[in-house]
Amino acid sequence: MIEQIKEGYVKTEREHGIVTIEFYHPQSNSLPGKILHTLAKDIHAEGLNTATKVIILKSAGEKVFCSGASFDELAAITNEADGIQFFNGFAQVINAMRKVPQLIIARVHGKCIGGGVGLAAAADYAIACEGAEIKLSELAVGIGPFVVGPAVERKLGLSAFSQLAIDAGNFRPADWARRKGLFAELHETVEGMDESIVRLSNTLTKSSPEAIKELKKIFWQGTEHWDELLLQRAAISGKLILSDYSKNFIANFKAKQKTS
């Protein structure tokens, strides 16, 4: 199944209980609202499908796993309601990922920026390769990693999360992300990464679905309030994105893109 979204897409493929959900956008795999909505919807649907044993979340392309929020959509936000709606898209994806009874493996083949770090953190097991640098760039934009923050803090701890949130202009290397717990595995090559994903996903299809469901409940214990929490966080970002600081930053960023 492929759902075309302007020039991007979300594609779902299934084989022997392994469901692969792939997203793509030509602007460095950025995430406009429609892709976020479709990701959340598709992940939720697989959670209801008893034939689905494991979910792999991946993106297309070579250099960037996900660059976070779509700057085109950020630039188009003119009121708080629209801002909340957009950032709530990230909340819906993260909440869908934590609620499904299946384990989710993230295939992180390249750089993670902003919301992309949130997707990797919300996965139950992230497998990456060299070059998968990470950065929480939100503070530089005039907002903050409010919506993805709980997922990142849960996986990396408060200290590492605060380092990423404060030093918003610099990438941390993939090995730093592995040592802090964001990546369960880090491979030298894409081939090695994919071999490991095949191995683990096939193993999980032979595991007890009930045992996995109970394990996932334990892994995500204490996040039951995230439906409300992440919506509250979306409201913070939805307000801040209207500031002159954010509008000027986005306008300057888009102008540089046109001239580069």
C-alpha atoms as a PDB file:
ATOM      1  CA  MET A   1       0.000   0.000   0.000  1.00  0.00           C
ATOM      2  CA  ILE A   2       1.371   3.402  -0.994  1.00  0.00           C
ATOM      3  CA  GLU A   3      -0.252   6.697  -0.036  1.00  0.00           C
ATOM      4  CA  GLN A   4       1.122   9.545  -2.131  1.00  0.00           C
ATOM      5  CA  ILE A   5       1.433  12.826  -0.244  1.00  0.00           C
ATOM      6  CA  LYS A   6       2.375  15.623  -2.611  1.00  0.00           C
ATOM      7  CA  GLU A   7       5.934  14.628  -3.508  1.00  0.00           C
ATOM      8  CA  GLY A   8       6.377  12.357  -0.517  1.00  0.00           C
ATOM      9  CA  TYR A   9       4.781   9.101   0.509  1.00  0.00           C
ATOM     10  CA  VAL A  10       4.149   6.555   3.212  1.00  0.00           C
ATOM     11  CA  LYS A  11       4.418   2.952   2.052  1.00  0.00           C
ATOM     12  CA  THR A  12       3.483  -0.211   3.934  1.00  0.00           C
ATOM     13  CA  GLU A  13       4.742  -3.648   2.943  1.00  0.00           C
ATOM     14  CA  ARG A  14       4.221  -6.976   4.702  1.00  0.00           C
ATOM     15  CA  GLU A  15       5.862 -10.361   4.511  1.00  0.00           C
ATOM     16  CA  HIS A  16       5.548 -13.305   6.926  1.00  0.00           C
ATOM     17  CA  GLY A  17       4.325 -11.137   9.800  1.00  0.00           C
ATOM     18  CA  ILE A  18       6.985  -8.452   9.260  1.00  0.00           C
ATOM     19  CA  VAL A  19       5.448  -5.082   8.372  1.00  0.00           C
ATOM     20  CA  THR A  20       7.725  -2.388   6.999  1.00  0.00           C
ATOM     21  CA  ILE A  21       6.443   1.192   7.088  1.00  0.00           C
ATOM     22  CA  GLU A  22       8.556   3.483   4.924  1.00  0.00           C
ATOM     23  CA  PHE A  23       8.242   7.255   4.613  1.00  0.00           C
ATOM     24  CA  TYR A  24       9.854   9.656   2.190  1.00  0.00           C
ATOM     25  CA  HIS A  25       9.919  13.348   1.435  1.00  0.00           C
ATOM     26  CA  PRO A  26      12.232  15.022  -1.084  1.00  0.00           C
ATOM     27  CA  GLN A  27      13.215  17.709   1.432  1.00  0.00           C
ATOM     28  CA  SER A  28      15.584  15.475   3.413  1.00  0.00           C
ATOM     29  CA  ASN A  29      12.756  13.280   4.656  1.00  0.00           C
ATOM     30  CA  SER A  30      11.141  16.162   6.496  1.00  0.00           C
ATOM     31  CA  LEU A  31       7.712  15.536   7.968  1.00  0.00           C
ATOM     32  CA  PRO A  32       4.717  17.597   6.848  1.00  0.00           C
ATOM     33  CA  GLY A  33       1.426  17.153   8.660  1.00  0.00           C
ATOM     34  CA  LYS A  34      -0.048  14.703   6.170  1.00  0.00           C
ATOM     35  CA  ILE A  35       2.900  12.334   6.445  1.00  0.00           C
ATOM     36  CA  LEU A  36       2.717  12.521  10.241  1.00  0.00           C
ATOM     37  CA  HIS A  37      -1.012  11.782  10.133  1.00  0.00           C
ATOM     38  CA  THR A  38      -0.527   8.825   7.804  1.00  0.00           C
ATOM     39  CA  LEU A  39       2.335   7.402   9.862  1.00  0.00           C
ATOM     40  CA  ALA A  40       0.242   7.543  13.021  1.00  0.00           C
ATOM     41  CA  LYS A  41      -2.759   6.011  11.256  1.00  0.00           C
ATOM     42  CA  ASP A  42      -0.760   3.185   9.685  1.00  0.00           C
ATOM     43  CA  ILE A  43       1.128   2.327  12.873  1.00  0.00           C
ATOM     44  CA  HIS A  44      -2.151   2.265  14.818  1.00  0.00           C
ATOM     45  CA  ALA A  45      -3.751   0.017  12.190  1.00  0.00           C
ATOM     46  CA  GLU A  46      -0.904  -2.481  12.400  1.00  0.00           C
ATOM     47  CA  GLY A  47      -1.331  -2.568  16.155  1.00  0.00           C
ATOM     48  CA  LEU A  48      -4.841  -3.893  15.603  1.00  0.00           C
ATOM     49  CA  ASN A  49      -3.742  -6.483  13.050  1.00  0.00           C
ATOM     50  CA  THR A  50      -3.031  -9.801  14.774  1.00  0.00           C
ATOM     51  CA  ALA A  51      -1.136 -10.992  11.684  1.00  0.00           C
ATOM     52  CA  THR A  52       1.497  -8.303  12.304  1.00  0.00           C
ATOM     53  CA  LYS A  53       4.291  -9.685  14.481  1.00  0.00           C
ATOM     54  CA  VAL A  54       6.891  -6.914  14.235  1.00  0.00           C
ATOM     55  CA  ILE A  55       7.029  -3.420  12.692  1.00  0.00           C
ATOM     56  CA  ILE A  56      10.057  -1.908  10.958  1.00  0.00           C
ATOM     57  CA  LEU A  57      10.066   1.874  10.604  1.00  0.00           C
ATOM     58  CA  LYS A  58      12.384   3.200   7.906  1.00  0.00           C
ATOM     59  CA  SER A  59      12.800   6.027   5.430  1.00  0.00           C
ATOM     60  CA  ALA A  60      13.966   6.119   1.837  1.00  0.00           C
ATOM     61  CA  GLY A  61      17.082   7.825   0.524  1.00  0.00           C
ATOM     62  CA  GLU A  62      20.700   7.575   1.568  1.00  0.00           C
ATOM     63  CA  LYS A  63      21.958  10.443   3.742  1.00  0.00           C
ATOM     64  CA  VAL A  64      19.139  11.538   6.059  1.00  0.00           C
ATOM     65  CA  PHE A  65      16.828   9.312   8.072  1.00  0.00           C
ATOM     66  CA  CYS A  66      14.585  12.224   9.034  1.00  0.00           C
ATOM     67  CA  SER A  67      15.170  15.980   9.233  1.00  0.00           C
ATOM     68  CA  GLY A  68      12.167  16.661  11.457  1.00  0.00           C
ATOM     69  CA  ALA A  69       9.425  19.205  10.897  1.00  0.00           C
ATOM     70  CA  SER A  70       8.685  20.524   7.421  1.00  0.00           C
ATOM     71  CA  PHE A  71       9.881  24.125   7.254  1.00  0.00           C
ATOM     72  CA  ASP A  72       7.338  24.853   4.523  1.00  0.00           C
ATOM     73  CA  GLU A  73       4.547  23.984   6.933  1.00  0.00           C
ATOM     74  CA  LEU A  74       6.190  25.784   9.845  1.00  0.00           C
ATOM     75  CA  ALA A  75       6.364  28.918   7.694  1.00  0.00           C
ATOM     76  CA  ALA A  76       2.668  28.603   6.833  1.00  0.00           C
ATOM     77  CA  ILE A  77       1.449  28.497  10.455  1.00  0.00           C
ATOM     78  CA  THR A  78      -0.368  31.751  11.272  1.00  0.00           C
ATOM     79  CA  ASN A  79      -2.265  30.970  14.497  1.00  0.00           C
ATOM     80  CA  GLU A  80      -1.938  28.887  17.636  1.00  0.00           C
ATOM     81  CA  ALA A  81      -4.617  26.385  16.647  1.00  0.00           C
ATOM     82  CA  ASP A  82      -2.781  25.489  13.450  1.00  0.00           C
ATOM     83  CA  GLY A  83       0.497  25.344  15.348  1.00  0.00           C
ATOM     84  CA  ILE A  84      -0.910  22.966  17.938  1.00  0.00           C
ATOM     85  CA  GLN A  85      -2.429  20.811  15.211  1.00  0.00           C
ATOM     86  CA  PHE A  86       0.881  20.523  13.383  1.00  0.00           C
ATOM     87  CA  PHE A  87       3.011  19.656  16.413  1.00  0.00           C
ATOM     88  CA  ASN A  88       0.321  17.293  17.662  1.00  0.00           C
ATOM     89  CA  GLY A  89       1.129  15.271  14.541  1.00  0.00           C
ATOM     90  CA  PHE A  90       4.440  14.288  16.132  1.00  0.00           C
ATOM     91  CA  ALA A  91       2.595  13.497  19.353  1.00  0.00           C
ATOM     92  CA  GLN A  92       0.203  11.196  17.511  1.00  0.00           C
ATOM     93  CA  VAL A  93       3.056   9.252  15.897  1.00  0.00           C
ATOM     94  CA  ILE A  94       4.942   8.809  19.173  1.00  0.00           C
ATOM     95  CA  ASN A  95       1.801   7.755  21.007  1.00  0.00           C
ATOM     96  CA  ALA A  96       0.915   5.279  18.264  1.00  0.00           C
ATOM     97  CA  MET A  97       4.407   3.793  18.494  1.00  0.00           C
ATOM     98  CA  ARG A  98       4.245   3.330  22.257  1.00  0.00           C
ATOM     99  CA  LYS A  99       0.717   1.872  22.262  1.00  0.00           C
ATOM    100  CA  VAL A 100       0.933  -0.861  19.613  1.00  0.00           C
ATOM    101  CA  PRO A 101       1.519  -4.323  21.150  1.00  0.00           C
ATOM    102  CA  GLN A 102       4.215  -5.188  18.615  1.00  0.00           C
ATOM    103  CA  LEU A 103       7.845  -4.192  18.972  1.00  0.00           C
ATOM    104  CA  ILE A 104       9.024  -1.509  16.555  1.00  0.00           C
ATOM    105  CA  ILE A 105      12.498  -1.623  15.025  1.00  0.00           C
ATOM    106  CA  ALA A 106      13.804   1.654  13.594  1.00  0.00           C
ATOM    107  CA  ARG A 107      16.205   1.458  10.645  1.00  0.00           C
ATOM    108  CA  VAL A 108      18.326   4.594  11.007  1.00  0.00           C
ATOM    109  CA  HIS A 109      20.529   4.838   7.932  1.00  0.00           C
ATOM    110  CA  GLY A 110      21.455   8.521   8.141  1.00  0.00           C
ATOM    111  CA  LYS A 111      21.215  11.771  10.051  1.00  0.00           C
ATOM    112  CA  CYS A 112      18.433  12.365  12.587  1.00  0.00           C
ATOM    113  CA  ILE A 113      17.365  15.936  13.226  1.00  0.00           C
ATOM    114  CA  GLY A 114      14.669  17.187  15.608  1.00  0.00           C
ATOM    115  CA  GLY A 115      11.606  15.027  15.227  1.00  0.00           C
ATOM    116  CA  GLY A 116      13.744  12.365  13.580  1.00  0.00           C
ATOM    117  CA  VAL A 117      15.511  11.835  16.900  1.00  0.00           C
ATOM    118  CA  GLY A 118      12.069  11.499  18.459  1.00  0.00           C
ATOM    119  CA  LEU A 119      11.112   8.733  16.025  1.00  0.00           C
ATOM    120  CA  ALA A 120      14.311   6.814  16.772  1.00  0.00           C
ATOM    121  CA  ALA A 121      13.750   7.230  20.494  1.00  0.00           C
ATOM    122  CA  ALA A 122      10.126   6.095  20.322  1.00  0.00           C
ATOM    123  CA  ALA A 123      11.132   2.871  18.586  1.00  0.00           C
ATOM    124  CA  ASP A 124      11.649  -0.109  20.862  1.00  0.00           C
ATOM    125  CA  TYR A 125      14.943  -1.045  19.180  1.00  0.00           C
ATOM    126  CA  ALA A 126      16.892   1.231  16.844  1.00  0.00           C
ATOM    127  CA  ILE A 127      19.549  -0.194  14.541  1.00  0.00           C
ATOM    128  CA  ALA A 128      21.807   2.354  12.850  1.00  0.00           C
ATOM    129  CA  CYS A 129      24.918   2.621  10.697  1.00  0.00           C
ATOM    130  CA  GLU A 130      27.857   4.998  10.667  1.00  0.00           C
ATOM    131  CA  GLY A 131      26.791   8.476   9.608  1.00  0.00           C
ATOM    132  CA  ALA A 132      23.612   8.447  11.690  1.00  0.00           C
ATOM    133  CA  GLU A 133      24.492  11.651  13.501  1.00  0.00           C
ATOM    134  CA  ILE A 134      21.837  13.242  15.695  1.00  0.00           C
ATOM    135  CA  LYS A 135      20.826  16.796  16.557  1.00  0.00           C
ATOM    136  CA  LEU A 136      17.901  18.398  18.371  1.00  0.00           C
ATOM    137  CA  SER A 137      17.781  21.659  16.420  1.00  0.00           C
ATOM    138  CA  GLU A 138      14.551  23.072  17.845  1.00  0.00           C
ATOM    139  CA  LEU A 139      16.024  25.718  20.155  1.00  0.00           C
ATOM    140  CA  ALA A 140      17.858  27.246  17.186  1.00  0.00           C
ATOM    141  CA  VAL A 141      14.490  27.588  15.447  1.00  0.00           C
ATOM    142  CA  GLY A 142      13.036  29.433  18.420  1.00  0.00           C
ATOM    143  CA  ILE A 143      11.010  26.579  19.868  1.00  0.00           C
ATOM    144  CA  GLY A 144      12.296  23.517  21.730  1.00  0.00           C
ATOM    145  CA  PRO A 145      12.116  19.721  21.582  1.00  0.00           C
ATOM    146  CA  PHE A 146       8.970  19.758  23.663  1.00  0.00           C
ATOM    147  CA  VAL A 147       6.898  17.049  21.978  1.00  0.00           C
ATOM    148  CA  VAL A 148       9.733  14.594  21.307  1.00  0.00           C
ATOM    149  CA  GLY A 149      11.424  15.432  24.611  1.00  0.00           C
ATOM    150  CA  PRO A 150       9.702  12.785  26.752  1.00  0.00           C
ATOM    151  CA  ALA A 151      10.626  10.026  24.292  1.00  0.00           C
ATOM    152  CA  VAL A 152      14.228  11.211  24.004  1.00  0.00           C
ATOM    153  CA  GLU A 153      14.624  11.690  27.763  1.00  0.00           C
ATOM    154  CA  ARG A 154      13.119   8.251  28.426  1.00  0.00           C
ATOM    155  CA  LYS A 155      15.637   6.571  26.136  1.00  0.00           C
ATOM    156  CA  LEU A 156      18.812   8.637  26.753  1.00  0.00           C
ATOM    157  CA  GLY A 157      18.254  10.058  30.239  1.00  0.00           C
ATOM    158  CA  LEU A 158      17.842  13.660  31.329  1.00  0.00           C
ATOM    159  CA  SER A 159      21.528  14.571  31.095  1.00  0.00           C
ATOM    160  CA  ALA A 160      21.989  13.470  27.480  1.00  0.00           C
ATOM    161  CA  PHE A 161      18.620  14.935  26.483  1.00  0.00           C
ATOM    162  CA  SER A 162      19.511  18.296  28.008  1.00  0.00           C
ATOM    163  CA  GLN A 163      22.874  18.291  26.221  1.00  0.00           C
ATOM    164  CA  LEU A 164      21.145  17.758  22.879  1.00  0.00           C
ATOM    165  CA  ALA A 165      18.434  20.322  23.612  1.00  0.00           C
ATOM    166  CA  ILE A 166      20.897  23.030  24.696  1.00  0.00           C
ATOM    167  CA  ASP A 167      23.587  22.534  22.040  1.00  0.00           C
ATOM    168  CA  ALA A 168      21.060  22.764  19.228  1.00  0.00           C
ATOM    169  CA  GLY A 169      23.466  23.703  16.467  1.00  0.00           C
ATOM    170  CA  ASN A 170      25.815  20.744  16.541  1.00  0.00           C
ATOM    171  CA  PHE A 171      25.502  17.101  15.570  1.00  0.00           C
ATOM    172  CA  ARG A 172      26.518  14.343  17.948  1.00  0.00           C
ATOM    173  CA  PRO A 173      28.171  11.333  16.277  1.00  0.00           C
ATOM    174  CA  ALA A 174      26.354   8.048  15.888  1.00  0.00           C
ATOM    175  CA  ASP A 175      28.639   6.355  18.415  1.00  0.00           C
ATOM    176  CA  TRP A 176      27.646   8.951  21.021  1.00  0.00           C
ATOM    177  CA  ALA A 177      24.007   8.067  20.344  1.00  0.00           C
ATOM    178  CA  ARG A 178      24.803   4.368  20.717  1.00  0.00           C
ATOM    179  CA  ARG A 179      26.671   4.882  24.001  1.00  0.00           C
ATOM    180  CA  LYS A 180      23.789   6.952  25.375  1.00  0.00           C
ATOM    181  CA  GLY A 181      21.253   4.249  24.467  1.00  0.00           C
ATOM    182  CA  LEU A 182      19.433   5.754  21.501  1.00  0.00           C
ATOM    183  CA  PHE A 183      20.817   3.118  19.135  1.00  0.00           C
ATOM    184  CA  ALA A 184      20.812  -0.487  20.275  1.00  0.00           C
ATOM    185  CA  GLU A 185      23.262  -1.379  17.506  1.00  0.00           C
ATOM    186  CA  LEU A 186      25.620   0.590  15.288  1.00  0.00           C
ATOM    187  CA  HIS A 187      27.045  -0.984  12.134  1.00  0.00           C
ATOM    188  CA  GLU A 188      29.861   0.144   9.877  1.00  0.00           C
ATOM    189  CA  THR A 189      27.847  -0.485   6.701  1.00  0.00           C
ATOM    190  CA  VAL A 190      24.268  -0.316   5.497  1.00  0.00           C
ATOM    191  CA  GLU A 191      24.547  -3.974   4.562  1.00  0.00           C
ATOM    192  CA  GLY A 192      25.497  -4.918   8.106  1.00  0.00           C
ATOM    193  CA  MET A 193      22.631  -2.868   9.490  1.00  0.00           C
ATOM    194  CA  ASP A 194      20.106  -4.499   7.169  1.00  0.00           C
ATOM    195  CA  GLU A 195      21.379  -7.994   7.911  1.00  0.00           C
ATOM    196  CA  SER A 196      20.881  -7.362  11.614  1.00  0.00           C
ATOM    197  CA  ILE A 197      17.363  -6.028  11.030  1.00  0.00           C
ATOM    198  CA  VAL A 198      16.462  -9.135   9.026  1.00  0.00           C
ATOM    199  CA  ARG A 199      17.892 -11.376  11.727  1.00  0.00           C
ATOM    200  CA  LEU A 200      16.090  -9.694  14.602  1.00  0.00           C
ATOM    201  CA  SER A 201      12.745  -9.243  12.832  1.00  0.00           C
ATOM    202  CA  ASN A 202      12.682 -12.909  11.791  1.00  0.00           C
ATOM    203  CA  THR A 203      13.489 -13.963  15.340  1.00  0.00           C
ATOM    204  CA  LEU A 204      10.677 -11.810  16.722  1.00  0.00           C
ATOM    205  CA  THR A 205       8.111 -13.326  14.339  1.00  0.00           C
ATOM    206  CA  LYS A 206       8.784 -16.677  16.033  1.00  0.00           C
ATOM    207  CA  SER A 207       8.425 -15.246  19.534  1.00  0.00           C
ATOM    208  CA  SER A 208       5.252 -15.315  21.600  1.00  0.00           C
ATOM    209  CA  PRO A 209       2.998 -12.349  20.703  1.00  0.00           C
ATOM    210  CA  GLU A 210       1.546 -12.377  24.223  1.00  0.00           C
ATOM    211  CA  ALA A 211       5.001 -12.311  25.803  1.00  0.00           C
ATOM    212  CA  ILE A 212       6.021  -9.435  23.534  1.00  0.00           C
ATOM    213  CA  LYS A 213       2.829  -7.551  24.407  1.00  0.00           C
ATOM    214  CA  GLU A 214       3.527  -7.912  28.123  1.00  0.00           C
ATOM    215  CA  LEU A 215       7.166  -6.914  27.654  1.00  0.00           C
ATOM    216  CA  LYS A 216       6.140  -3.794  25.786  1.00  0.00           C
ATOM    217  CA  LYS A 217       3.787  -2.834  28.619  1.00  0.00           C
ATOM    218  CA  ILE A 218       6.735  -2.997  31.005  1.00  0.00           C
ATOM    219  CA  PHE A 219       9.034  -1.072  28.677  1.00  0.00           C
ATOM    220  CA  TRP A 220       6.528   1.780  28.428  1.00  0.00           C
ATOM    221  CA  GLN A 221       5.306   1.722  32.019  1.00  0.00           C
ATOM    222  CA  GLY A 222       4.794   5.233  33.358  1.00  0.00           C
ATOM    223  CA  THR A 223       3.902   6.801  29.999  1.00  0.00           C
ATOM    224  CA  GLU A 224       0.149   6.325  30.291  1.00  0.00           C
ATOM    225  CA  HIS A 225      -0.325  10.092  30.623  1.00  0.00           C
ATOM    226  CA  TRP A 226       1.469  10.895  27.367  1.00  0.00           C
ATOM    227  CA  ASP A 227      -1.751  11.464  25.413  1.00  0.00           C
ATOM    228  CA  GLU A 228      -2.294  14.564  27.529  1.00  0.00           C
ATOM    229  CA  LEU A 229       1.358  15.425  28.116  1.00  0.00           C
ATOM    230  CA  LEU A 230       2.395  15.489  24.468  1.00  0.00           C
ATOM    231  CA  LEU A 231      -0.645  17.558  23.527  1.00  0.00           C
ATOM    232  CA  GLN A 232       0.346  20.066  26.213  1.00  0.00           C
ATOM    233  CA  ARG A 233       3.869  20.099  24.784  1.00  0.00           C
ATOM    234  CA  ALA A 234       2.460  20.630  21.278  1.00  0.00           C
ATOM    235  CA  ALA A 235       0.654  23.712  22.600  1.00  0.00           C
ATOM    236  CA  ILE A 236       3.968  25.180  23.789  1.00  0.00           C
ATOM    237  CA  SER A 237       5.571  24.719  20.369  1.00  0.00           C
ATOM    238  CA  GLY A 238       2.411  25.896  18.624  1.00  0.00           C
ATOM    239  CA  LYS A 239       2.635  29.199  20.456  1.00  0.00           C
ATOM    240  CA  LEU A 240       6.381  29.726  20.146  1.00  0.00           C
ATOM    241  CA  ILE A 241       6.480  29.051  16.397  1.00  0.00           C
ATOM    242  CA  LEU A 242       4.464  32.269  15.934  1.00  0.00           C
ATOM    243  CA  SER A 243       7.208  34.419  17.471  1.00  0.00           C
ATOM    244  CA  ASP A 244       9.159  36.897  15.379  1.00  0.00           C
ATOM    245  CA  TYR A 245      12.311  34.954  16.241  1.00  0.00           C
ATOM    246  CA  SER A 246      10.971  31.732  14.706  1.00  0.00           C
ATOM    247  CA  LYS A 247       9.455  33.432  11.688  1.00  0.00           C
ATOM    248  CA  ASN A 248      12.723  35.234  10.930  1.00  0.00           C
ATOM    249  CA  PHE A 249      14.796  32.079  11.395  1.00  0.00           C
ATOM    250  CA  ILE A 250      12.592  30.058   9.039  1.00  0.00           C
ATOM    251  CA  ALA A 251      12.503  32.836   6.446  1.00  0.00           C
ATOM    252  CA  ASN A 252      16.297  33.134   6.507  1.00  0.00           C
ATOM    253  CA  PHE A 253      16.701  29.353   6.293  1.00  0.00           C
ATOM    254  CA  LYS A 254      14.399  29.100   3.283  1.00  0.00           C
ATOM    255  CA  ALA A 255      16.174  32.020   1.588  1.00  0.00           C
ATOM    256  CA  LYS A 256      19.522  30.283   1.997  1.00  0.00           C
ATOM    257  CA  GLN A 257      18.072  27.105   0.496  1.00  0.00           C
ATOM    258  CA  LYS A 258      16.977  28.981  -2.612  1.00  0.00           C
ATOM    259  CA  THR A 259      20.427  30.489  -3.150  1.00  0.00           C
ATOM    260  CA  SER A 260      22.422  27.331  -2.412  1.00  0.00           C
END
